[in-house]
Structures are given as C-alpha cells and as structure tokens.
Amino acid sequence: MVHIHVVGGGLAGLTAAITAAESGARTTLYEGHRSLGGRARTAEGPYRANEGPHALYRHGPHAAWLARRGLLGPLVPVPPRDGLRFRFHRAGALRRLPPPALLRLVRRAPHTAPVDDRFLDWAAGRVGAEGARAAAHFAATALFHHDPGALSARFVQERLHRLGSLPPEARYPVGGWGTLVERLAAHARGLGVAVETATRVDARTLGELARTGPVIVATSLAAARALLDDASLAWESGRTVLVDLAVRTRRGDAFVVSDLDAPGWLERFTAQDPGLAPAGEQLLQGQFPIGPDMRRAEGVARAEDLLDLGFPGWRERTTWRGGALAEGRTGAVDRPGTTWRDRPSVVRGDGIFLAGDQVAAPGLLSEVSFTSGLEAAMLAVKAAGQHSGSGAGSRRG
C-alpha cells in the first residue's frame, strides 16, 4: 500500500488526512507543535480565545462536509437580542445603523463586480466614495488587510455579500475552534491516520517521505517556501493586530463594533458562547489591520479607541489581556487582475501537493484551507494509485 504523508496539522492538514484515509490510503500526519490545530487552536485555561475571530459560514462547503461526517458539533448563531447591539463607528461616533450605501452594496451579487478593477473605484461608481469606503472597511473583517479598497472588486464583493447576508451566515463552534479540531483529530485517528505531533519535517526528511508516496504540504506558505526551496510560493496576505480581552460584565455592552472609518472589528464572543470566559466576565476579540510600515502600537491604539466607545469603563473592568501581530497568517488577498486561480497551485510536481489558506482554492476565510486540503488529498490518492499500479506492473513483468 502506497503511503500518503501530510505535513501540517491545521485545518488543511486534518482535512487532507481524513480525505486520504477515507480513500483507503495508509496516511500519516506530521505536526511540528505538540498539539494539532494550527491557527485554529483555542487557548487553554479560563479564557478560551482563538487566534483571531473565527466563525463557520453555513453556506460554505466546509460546514456541509463536516456535517456529513457528524463532525460539525454544536454551533450557535448570532443571538437575536445581541444582534441588536451591533454598532458601527462612523464619522467619529457609534451608530446603530450602517449607511444605506453599504446596505445597497451588500445586496449586489458578486459576479457584478469586475476582477480587474479596484473595489473602491468600482463601488464609488455605484454608491459614492463615502459609501464605498465604509463598505471596504466593513469587509475587512474577512480580509485582515489595511487597504481593502485597493483589492480586486470581485474578491472584496464576494466577501462583503456573504458577510452582510441576513440572517447572518456566521456560526460559532461551542467551546471555540479547539473543540472542532479535537473532533477532526479523533475522526482521523479512527480512520487509521497515524498522527505524529512534535515532529518537524525538514527538506531532507521530506525527500525521504516522498520516496514512499505522495506528500501534502499543509503549512503556511512561508514555511512551504522554505521546506520546498521554491521562491514562487509567495502571495500577498494581511498584517493585522489581534486583540484579546476579558472584562467584567456590564449591562449594555455592544456585541460587535465595526469600524467604518478604518478597517477594524471588535466582537464579544461570550454573547453566543458564555463558556468561553468565567461567569461574570466577557471575552472580547478583535482585529485591526495595519500597513507594512506601521507599528503594532498604532493598531493597539485604534483598538483602545474603539473599546472606549463600545465598552465604556473597559480599562477598570479588564481581568485578562492578550494579543499578537499576525503577519502573513490571515489568508490570501487578491489584487486587481487576479483571482484565487492565480495563487500558488496545489500541484507542485514530483508527488508533492500544497494546501493552506494562500493556495489556489476558492472560499471565504477557513474555507480556502478546507478546499485546498480536500483537492490535495484527492490528487495525492490518484497519484498514489498510479504509482502503485506502475509498481505492480513492473513486478508482474
């Protein structure tokens, strides 16, 4: 039996390993950290924070794939009562309603937006410059990019349309994304996948693995570039300050504060899942994209300004605080004239396949990792069959 190797135990790697094992292939998954999950890990302890805001979108392929295997687990939607506490920062003040121009753009079908134009230019021609800027900044929650208006109009509109759908598409795994990773890992092991954690694969080891069967590299694009010594493995991503905060509960706190004056987002995740923080406390998470020349402190300052508006007295109420600067770890963005098809190909040659959130695969947020992992595994299984068949033919001859 030809062996399929999967390097990387995040969502892409777990999806690939499960798909390969379901085909009957002997499969081993290698993860450099002691725990699986990649950027889908959930922190241990009383504050169950993810690495940035996470949600599953019910119209996406990932949710359906998980549901068919009984892996979806309990999900919670945006609570109706807390949904009314959605606030928009516009012209320096918090408002209960978004500008009508933003709503008009949200309703437009993605295929009406051109691939070759900047989103800001295309949107301004339909709702005016002010509405276009607000829409670009609102879409930043799914882009993690400091200048969404400069990206491909089609790319941004696809995300804006799904983010603004009613009822909301977003669903949240109870207990954080770590619970979803646990179910995926248990299912993989149940299918016979050998899972090796705390095992780093270098170029030499990769070559040895490739001699026994196809290899799926399901790491970050930067890690894949170094591992495969392939300078072509590059694509633009965002640079984002991630903010984690626990505060004592206060009546009237916002559920979400969306910054329409600049890309920024704050969300109270305990509104839908109170178990993410101790009783009497609320877990807030946010993202504030910054430009390539900006310092992390500038993103933190923007976050604190938004906290002052949406969560009065948050400094005195804070019980825990964390955060990070995510550089190139938040998925691919497409410039005008490019689509997901132009990103690094899943097929790398010589039995090597690529998966991850910056690979040539469609989808919103984590759906790109899922879709590329699925495709890489199916191609690896096919390649393994061809390899096995040719070997058998040689023996018969």
Protein backbone atom coordinates (compact mmCIF):
# COMPACT_ATOMS: atom_id res chain seq x y z
CA MET A 1 0.00 0.00 0.00
CA VAL A 2 1.44 3.37 -1.02
CA HIS A 3 1.87 5.80 1.85
CA ILE A 4 0.42 9.36 1.82
CA HIS A 5 2.17 11.85 4.09
CA VAL A 6 0.58 15.09 5.32
CA VAL A 7 2.88 17.76 6.77
CA GLY A 8 0.98 20.20 9.00
CA GLY A 9 -1.87 19.54 11.42
CA GLY A 10 -4.08 22.60 10.93
CA LEU A 11 -7.47 22.60 9.23
CA ALA A 12 -5.95 21.98 5.79
CA GLY A 13 -3.80 19.10 7.01
CA LEU A 14 -6.57 17.43 9.01
CA THR A 15 -8.98 17.71 6.08
CA ALA A 16 -6.37 16.23 3.74
CA ALA A 17 -5.51 13.39 6.13
CA ILE A 18 -9.17 12.44 6.63
CA THR A 19 -9.86 12.53 2.90
CA ALA A 20 -6.83 10.38 2.10
CA ALA A 21 -7.70 7.86 4.81
CA GLU A 22 -11.31 7.66 3.66
CA SER A 23 -10.00 6.52 0.27
CA GLY A 24 -8.27 3.60 1.96
CA ALA A 25 -4.75 5.03 1.75
CA ARG A 26 -2.23 4.49 4.51
CA THR A 27 -1.85 8.04 5.90
CA THR A 28 0.48 9.74 8.37
CA LEU A 29 0.11 13.32 9.58
CA TYR A 30 3.15 15.19 10.93
CA GLU A 31 2.76 18.28 13.13
CA GLY A 32 5.68 20.31 14.45
CA HIS A 33 3.84 21.53 17.55
CA ARG A 34 2.75 19.39 20.47
CA SER A 35 -0.90 19.97 19.64
CA LEU A 36 -2.90 19.99 16.42
CA GLY A 37 -4.92 22.87 15.02
CA GLY A 38 -2.50 25.37 13.53
CA ARG A 39 -4.19 28.78 13.63
CA ALA A 40 -7.43 27.10 14.67
CA ARG A 41 -6.13 26.39 18.17
CA THR A 42 -8.13 27.60 21.15
CA ALA A 43 -6.24 28.76 24.24
CA GLU A 44 -6.41 26.56 27.32
CA GLY A 45 -7.48 27.91 30.67
CA PRO A 46 -10.38 30.09 31.75
CA TYR A 47 -10.25 32.35 28.67
CA ARG A 48 -10.92 30.27 25.54
CA ALA A 49 -9.59 32.69 22.92
CA ASN A 50 -8.90 31.73 19.32
CA GLU A 51 -6.08 33.19 17.26
CA GLY A 52 -8.25 35.99 15.93
CA PRO A 53 -12.02 35.93 15.37
CA HIS A 54 -13.25 32.63 13.95
CA ALA A 55 -16.60 31.54 12.53
CA LEU A 56 -18.01 28.89 10.21
CA TYR A 57 -20.24 30.13 7.40
CA ARG A 58 -23.31 27.95 6.87
CA HIS A 59 -23.41 28.33 3.06
CA GLY A 60 -19.79 27.29 2.68
CA PRO A 61 -18.54 23.83 1.65
CA HIS A 62 -16.68 23.23 4.92
CA ALA A 63 -19.82 23.16 7.07
CA ALA A 64 -21.58 20.66 4.77
CA TRP A 65 -18.52 18.37 4.66
CA LEU A 66 -18.27 18.36 8.46
CA ALA A 67 -22.00 17.76 8.89
CA ARG A 68 -21.98 14.70 6.60
CA ARG A 69 -19.35 13.11 8.85
CA GLY A 70 -21.01 14.06 12.12
CA LEU A 71 -18.11 16.39 12.95
CA LEU A 72 -19.85 19.74 12.96
CA GLY A 73 -20.78 19.59 16.64
CA PRO A 74 -22.88 22.18 18.43
CA LEU A 75 -22.90 25.58 16.73
CA VAL A 76 -24.50 28.78 17.92
CA PRO A 77 -25.71 31.64 15.70
CA VAL A 78 -25.63 35.35 16.42
CA PRO A 79 -28.08 35.74 19.34
CA PRO A 80 -31.08 37.80 18.16
CA ARG A 81 -31.02 40.05 21.22
CA ASP A 82 -27.29 40.70 20.99
CA GLY A 83 -27.55 41.15 17.25
CA LEU A 84 -29.41 44.36 18.04
CA ARG A 85 -26.26 45.59 19.80
CA PHE A 86 -24.32 45.72 16.54
CA ARG A 87 -22.68 49.13 16.40
CA PHE A 88 -20.96 50.99 13.56
CA HIS A 89 -18.19 53.52 14.12
CA ARG A 90 -18.73 56.20 11.51
CA ALA A 91 -17.62 59.84 11.38
CA GLY A 92 -16.11 59.51 14.87
CA ALA A 93 -19.26 58.26 16.62
CA LEU A 94 -21.05 54.96 17.28
CA ARG A 95 -24.25 54.44 15.32
CA ARG A 96 -26.92 51.76 15.42
CA LEU A 97 -27.38 51.51 11.66
CA PRO A 98 -24.91 51.27 8.77
CA PRO A 99 -25.08 53.82 5.95
CA PRO A 100 -27.71 52.94 3.31
CA ALA A 101 -24.95 52.86 0.67
CA LEU A 102 -23.31 49.95 2.48
CA LEU A 103 -26.59 48.02 2.51
CA ARG A 104 -27.07 48.61 -1.19
CA LEU A 105 -23.63 47.22 -1.95
CA VAL A 106 -24.13 44.18 0.29
CA ARG A 107 -27.14 43.16 -1.78
CA ARG A 108 -25.25 43.24 -5.09
CA ALA A 109 -24.32 39.83 -6.49
CA PRO A 110 -20.55 39.20 -6.53
CA HIS A 111 -20.47 38.45 -10.27
CA THR A 112 -21.47 42.06 -10.98
CA ALA A 113 -18.09 43.24 -9.68
CA PRO A 114 -15.16 43.13 -12.12
CA VAL A 115 -11.99 41.24 -11.35
CA ASP A 116 -9.73 43.86 -12.95
CA ASP A 117 -10.92 46.99 -11.07
CA ARG A 118 -10.12 48.20 -7.57
CA PHE A 119 -13.04 47.70 -5.21
CA LEU A 120 -13.03 51.34 -4.11
CA ASP A 121 -13.27 52.63 -7.69
CA TRP A 122 -15.99 50.18 -8.70
CA ALA A 123 -18.06 50.70 -5.55
CA ALA A 124 -17.75 54.51 -5.68
CA GLY A 125 -19.28 54.44 -9.13
CA ARG A 126 -22.38 52.82 -7.64
CA VAL A 127 -22.85 54.33 -4.18
CA GLY A 128 -20.38 57.23 -3.98
CA ALA A 129 -16.93 57.50 -2.42
CA GLU A 130 -18.10 57.68 1.21
CA GLY A 131 -20.28 54.58 0.96
CA ALA A 132 -17.54 52.71 -0.91
CA ARG A 133 -15.01 53.42 1.85
CA ALA A 134 -17.45 52.27 4.54
CA ALA A 135 -18.13 49.04 2.63
CA ALA A 136 -14.43 48.37 2.14
CA HIS A 137 -13.75 48.83 5.84
CA PHE A 138 -16.70 46.64 6.81
CA ALA A 139 -15.42 43.85 4.54
CA ALA A 140 -12.04 43.99 6.31
CA THR A 141 -13.30 41.54 8.95
CA ALA A 142 -12.90 38.79 6.32
CA LEU A 143 -9.77 40.28 4.73
CA PHE A 144 -7.39 41.26 7.56
CA HIS A 145 -5.95 43.86 5.17
CA HIS A 146 -5.21 47.53 5.82
CA ASP A 147 -6.47 48.76 2.42
CA PRO A 148 -9.40 46.62 1.20
CA GLY A 149 -10.40 49.26 -1.34
CA ALA A 150 -7.20 48.62 -3.31
CA LEU A 151 -8.02 44.92 -3.80
CA SER A 152 -9.92 43.29 -6.65
CA ALA A 153 -13.55 44.40 -6.76
CA ARG A 154 -14.77 40.83 -7.32
CA PHE A 155 -12.66 39.50 -4.46
CA VAL A 156 -13.96 42.05 -1.93
CA GLN A 157 -17.56 41.92 -3.13
CA GLU A 158 -17.68 38.14 -2.73
CA ARG A 159 -16.81 38.56 0.93
CA LEU A 160 -18.97 41.62 1.52
CA HIS A 161 -22.02 39.85 0.08
CA ARG A 162 -21.65 36.88 2.40
CA LEU A 163 -20.71 38.90 5.49
CA GLY A 164 -23.78 41.09 5.14
CA SER A 165 -26.30 38.34 4.40
CA LEU A 166 -29.46 38.10 6.50
CA PRO A 167 -29.90 36.03 8.52
CA PRO A 168 -26.16 36.03 9.23
CA GLU A 169 -24.18 33.10 7.82
CA ALA A 170 -21.73 33.02 10.74
CA ARG A 171 -21.98 30.12 13.18
CA TYR A 172 -19.68 29.59 16.16
CA PRO A 173 -18.43 26.19 17.44
CA VAL A 174 -19.32 25.89 21.11
CA GLY A 175 -16.13 25.90 23.15
CA GLY A 176 -14.06 27.55 20.44
CA TRP A 177 -12.35 26.13 17.37
CA GLY A 178 -10.26 23.84 19.51
CA THR A 179 -13.33 21.62 20.01
CA LEU A 180 -13.71 21.30 16.24
CA VAL A 181 -10.02 20.37 15.91
CA GLU A 182 -10.46 17.69 18.59
CA ARG A 183 -13.34 16.12 16.65
CA LEU A 184 -11.35 16.20 13.40
CA ALA A 185 -8.31 14.64 15.08
CA ALA A 186 -10.38 11.89 16.73
CA HIS A 187 -12.08 11.11 13.41
CA ALA A 188 -8.72 10.97 11.62
CA ARG A 189 -7.31 8.54 14.19
CA GLY A 190 -10.48 6.47 13.97
CA LEU A 191 -9.86 6.11 10.23
CA GLY A 192 -6.37 4.82 10.93
CA VAL A 193 -4.37 8.03 10.39
CA ALA A 194 -1.08 7.90 12.29
CA VAL A 195 -0.67 11.30 13.96
CA GLU A 196 2.84 12.35 14.96
CA THR A 197 2.99 15.60 16.92
CA ALA A 198 6.16 17.45 17.95
CA THR A 199 7.66 16.15 14.70
CA ARG A 200 9.28 18.71 12.44
CA VAL A 201 9.82 17.80 8.81
CA ASP A 202 12.82 19.38 7.09
CA ALA A 203 13.88 19.23 3.44
CA ARG A 204 15.91 16.05 3.94
CA THR A 205 13.05 14.28 5.74
CA LEU A 206 10.62 15.46 3.08
CA GLY A 207 12.74 13.82 0.40
CA GLU A 208 12.75 10.55 2.33
CA LEU A 209 8.96 10.66 2.73
CA ALA A 210 8.44 11.40 -0.96
CA ARG A 211 10.23 8.17 -1.88
CA THR A 212 7.44 6.16 -0.23
CA GLY A 213 4.44 8.07 -1.60
CA PRO A 214 2.84 11.46 -2.25
CA VAL A 215 3.40 14.29 0.25
CA ILE A 216 0.87 17.03 1.05
CA VAL A 217 2.49 20.16 2.49
CA ALA A 218 -0.26 21.81 4.55
CA THR A 219 1.74 24.53 6.28
CA SER A 220 1.86 28.29 5.98
CA LEU A 221 3.03 29.47 2.58
CA ALA A 222 6.23 30.85 4.08
CA ALA A 223 7.03 27.51 5.71
CA ALA A 224 6.24 25.66 2.46
CA ARG A 225 8.50 28.03 0.54
CA ALA A 226 11.43 27.20 2.82
CA LEU A 227 10.65 23.48 3.01
CA LEU A 228 10.38 23.07 -0.77
CA ASP A 229 13.04 25.68 -1.57
CA ASP A 230 10.61 27.24 -4.03
CA ALA A 231 10.68 31.04 -4.28
CA SER A 232 7.49 31.03 -6.38
CA LEU A 233 5.47 30.11 -3.29
CA ALA A 234 4.52 33.68 -2.44
CA TRP A 235 1.23 35.57 -2.28
CA GLU A 236 0.07 38.72 -0.55
CA SER A 237 -1.63 38.44 2.83
CA GLY A 238 -2.56 40.89 5.57
CA ARG A 239 -0.78 42.38 8.55
CA THR A 240 -3.12 42.60 11.49
CA VAL A 241 -3.03 43.43 15.19
CA LEU A 242 -5.10 40.84 17.08
CA VAL A 243 -6.62 41.91 20.39
CA ASP A 244 -7.91 39.61 23.14
CA LEU A 245 -9.56 40.99 26.25
CA ALA A 246 -11.68 39.74 29.16
CA VAL A 247 -13.76 42.29 31.04
CA ARG A 248 -16.25 42.10 33.86
CA THR A 249 -19.78 42.04 32.53
CA ARG A 250 -21.59 45.34 32.17
CA ARG A 251 -25.17 45.73 31.02
CA GLY A 252 -25.41 47.43 27.65
CA ASP A 253 -22.04 46.42 26.19
CA ALA A 254 -22.00 46.16 22.39
CA PHE A 255 -22.00 42.77 20.67
CA VAL A 256 -19.95 43.93 17.66
CA VAL A 257 -18.32 47.25 16.89
CA SER A 258 -17.43 47.56 13.20
CA ASP A 259 -15.15 50.46 12.35
CA LEU A 260 -16.28 52.07 9.10
CA ASP A 261 -13.78 54.92 9.36
CA ALA A 262 -10.84 52.49 9.12
CA PRO A 263 -10.54 48.69 8.96
CA GLY A 264 -11.26 47.36 12.44
CA TRP A 265 -13.56 44.97 14.27
CA LEU A 266 -14.40 44.08 17.89
CA GLU A 267 -16.68 41.18 18.84
CA ARG A 268 -17.95 39.90 22.19
CA PHE A 269 -17.69 36.15 21.68
CA THR A 270 -19.30 35.25 25.01
CA ALA A 271 -22.56 36.75 23.71
CA GLN A 272 -23.18 33.49 21.86
CA ASP A 273 -20.96 31.16 23.94
CA PRO A 274 -20.78 32.21 27.63
CA GLY A 275 -18.48 29.27 28.46
CA LEU A 276 -15.51 30.97 26.78
CA ALA A 277 -14.88 33.01 29.96
CA PRO A 278 -15.62 32.62 33.69
CA ALA A 279 -19.05 33.58 34.96
CA GLY A 280 -19.49 37.34 35.21
CA GLU A 281 -16.86 38.05 32.54
CA GLN A 282 -16.98 38.67 28.79
CA LEU A 283 -14.39 37.65 26.18
CA LEU A 284 -13.73 40.28 23.50
CA GLN A 285 -11.68 39.64 20.39
CA GLY A 286 -10.80 42.00 17.57
CA GLN A 287 -8.61 42.65 14.57
CA PHE A 288 -7.06 45.89 13.39
CA PRO A 289 -5.17 45.68 10.09
CA ILE A 290 -2.11 47.90 9.77
CA GLY A 291 0.07 48.87 6.82
CA PRO A 292 3.54 47.46 6.16
CA ASP A 293 5.25 50.48 7.71
CA MET A 294 3.04 50.82 10.78
CA ARG A 295 3.95 49.69 14.28
CA ARG A 296 1.87 47.27 16.33
CA ALA A 297 1.28 50.04 18.88
CA GLU A 298 -0.69 52.00 16.29
CA GLY A 299 -3.11 49.12 15.82
CA VAL A 300 -3.43 48.70 19.57
CA ALA A 301 -4.22 52.41 19.95
CA ARG A 302 -7.02 52.12 17.36
CA ALA A 303 -8.40 49.12 19.23
CA GLU A 304 -8.42 51.04 22.50
CA ASP A 305 -10.22 53.99 20.91
CA LEU A 306 -12.93 51.64 19.67
CA LEU A 307 -13.12 49.94 23.07
CA ASP A 308 -13.71 53.34 24.72
CA LEU A 309 -16.77 53.81 22.52
CA GLY A 310 -18.27 50.32 22.60
CA PHE A 311 -17.28 49.12 26.06
CA PRO A 312 -17.19 52.10 28.45
CA GLY A 313 -15.01 51.60 31.51
CA TRP A 314 -13.26 48.61 29.94
CA ARG A 315 -9.89 49.51 31.48
CA GLU A 316 -11.20 49.25 35.04
CA ARG A 317 -13.12 46.07 34.17
CA THR A 318 -10.26 44.20 32.46
CA THR A 319 -9.36 40.85 34.06
CA TRP A 320 -7.13 39.43 31.32
CA ARG A 321 -5.49 40.72 28.18
CA GLY A 322 -3.58 39.15 25.28
CA GLY A 323 -2.88 39.74 21.62
CA ALA A 324 -0.47 39.32 18.75
CA LEU A 325 0.69 40.75 15.45
CA ALA A 326 -0.29 38.43 12.59
CA GLU A 327 1.93 38.89 9.53
CA GLY A 328 1.10 36.73 6.51
CA ARG A 329 -1.03 34.44 8.68
CA THR A 330 -4.52 35.57 7.75
CA GLY A 331 -5.15 34.18 4.28
CA ALA A 332 -4.60 35.37 0.72
CA VAL A 333 -5.83 38.66 -0.76
CA ASP A 334 -6.25 39.19 -4.48
CA ARG A 335 -5.13 42.37 -6.23
CA PRO A 336 -6.99 43.69 -9.31
CA GLY A 337 -6.49 41.40 -12.27
CA THR A 338 -6.02 38.27 -10.15
CA THR A 339 -8.29 35.60 -8.67
CA TRP A 340 -7.76 32.56 -6.48
CA ARG A 341 -6.74 30.65 -9.61
CA ASP A 342 -3.57 32.76 -9.81
CA ARG A 343 -2.34 31.77 -6.35
CA PRO A 344 0.26 29.00 -5.91
CA SER A 345 -1.03 25.77 -7.41
CA VAL A 346 -1.96 22.74 -5.33
CA VAL A 347 0.13 20.59 -7.69
CA ARG A 348 3.88 21.10 -7.18
CA GLY A 349 5.21 18.12 -9.19
CA ASP A 350 7.17 15.01 -8.19
CA GLY A 351 4.33 13.79 -5.98
CA ILE A 352 4.22 16.98 -3.88
CA PHE A 353 0.92 18.78 -3.26
CA LEU A 354 0.17 22.03 -1.44
CA ALA A 355 -2.69 23.04 0.88
CA GLY A 356 -3.38 26.05 3.07
CA ASP A 357 -5.12 29.41 3.20
CA GLN A 358 -2.98 31.08 0.50
CA VAL A 359 -3.23 28.29 -2.08
CA ALA A 360 -5.20 28.28 -5.35
CA ALA A 361 -8.63 27.35 -3.97
CA PRO A 362 -11.91 29.28 -3.61
CA GLY A 363 -13.69 30.12 -0.38
CA LEU A 364 -14.11 32.54 2.50
CA LEU A 365 -11.59 32.50 5.36
CA SER A 366 -11.00 28.90 6.57
CA GLU A 367 -12.87 27.52 3.54
CA VAL A 368 -9.73 28.05 1.44
CA SER A 369 -7.73 25.75 3.73
CA PHE A 370 -10.51 23.17 3.64
CA THR A 371 -10.97 23.26 -0.14
CA SER A 372 -7.26 23.06 -0.89
CA GLY A 373 -6.79 20.23 1.63
CA LEU A 374 -9.61 18.28 0.01
CA GLU A 375 -8.24 18.79 -3.51
CA ALA A 376 -4.64 18.00 -2.49
CA ALA A 377 -5.76 14.73 -0.90
CA MET A 378 -7.80 13.60 -3.89
CA LEU A 379 -4.89 14.34 -6.22
CA ALA A 380 -2.48 12.56 -3.89
CA VAL A 381 -4.72 9.50 -3.77
CA LYS A 382 -4.85 9.46 -7.57
CA ALA A 383 -1.08 9.82 -7.78
CA ALA A 384 -0.65 7.04 -5.20
CA GLY A 385 -2.87 4.73 -7.29
CA GLN A 386 -0.86 5.42 -10.41
CA HIS A 387 2.38 4.81 -8.52
CA SER A 388 1.03 1.57 -7.04
CA GLY A 389 -0.26 0.41 -10.43
CA SER A 390 3.04 1.06 -12.17
CA GLY A 391 4.88 -0.78 -9.43
CA ALA A 392 2.58 -3.77 -9.67
CA GLY A 393 3.04 -3.82 -13.47
CA SER A 394 6.80 -3.87 -13.07
CA ARG A 395 6.61 -6.80 -10.67
CA ARG A 396 4.31 -8.71 -12.99
CA GLY A 397 6.67 -8.08 -15.86
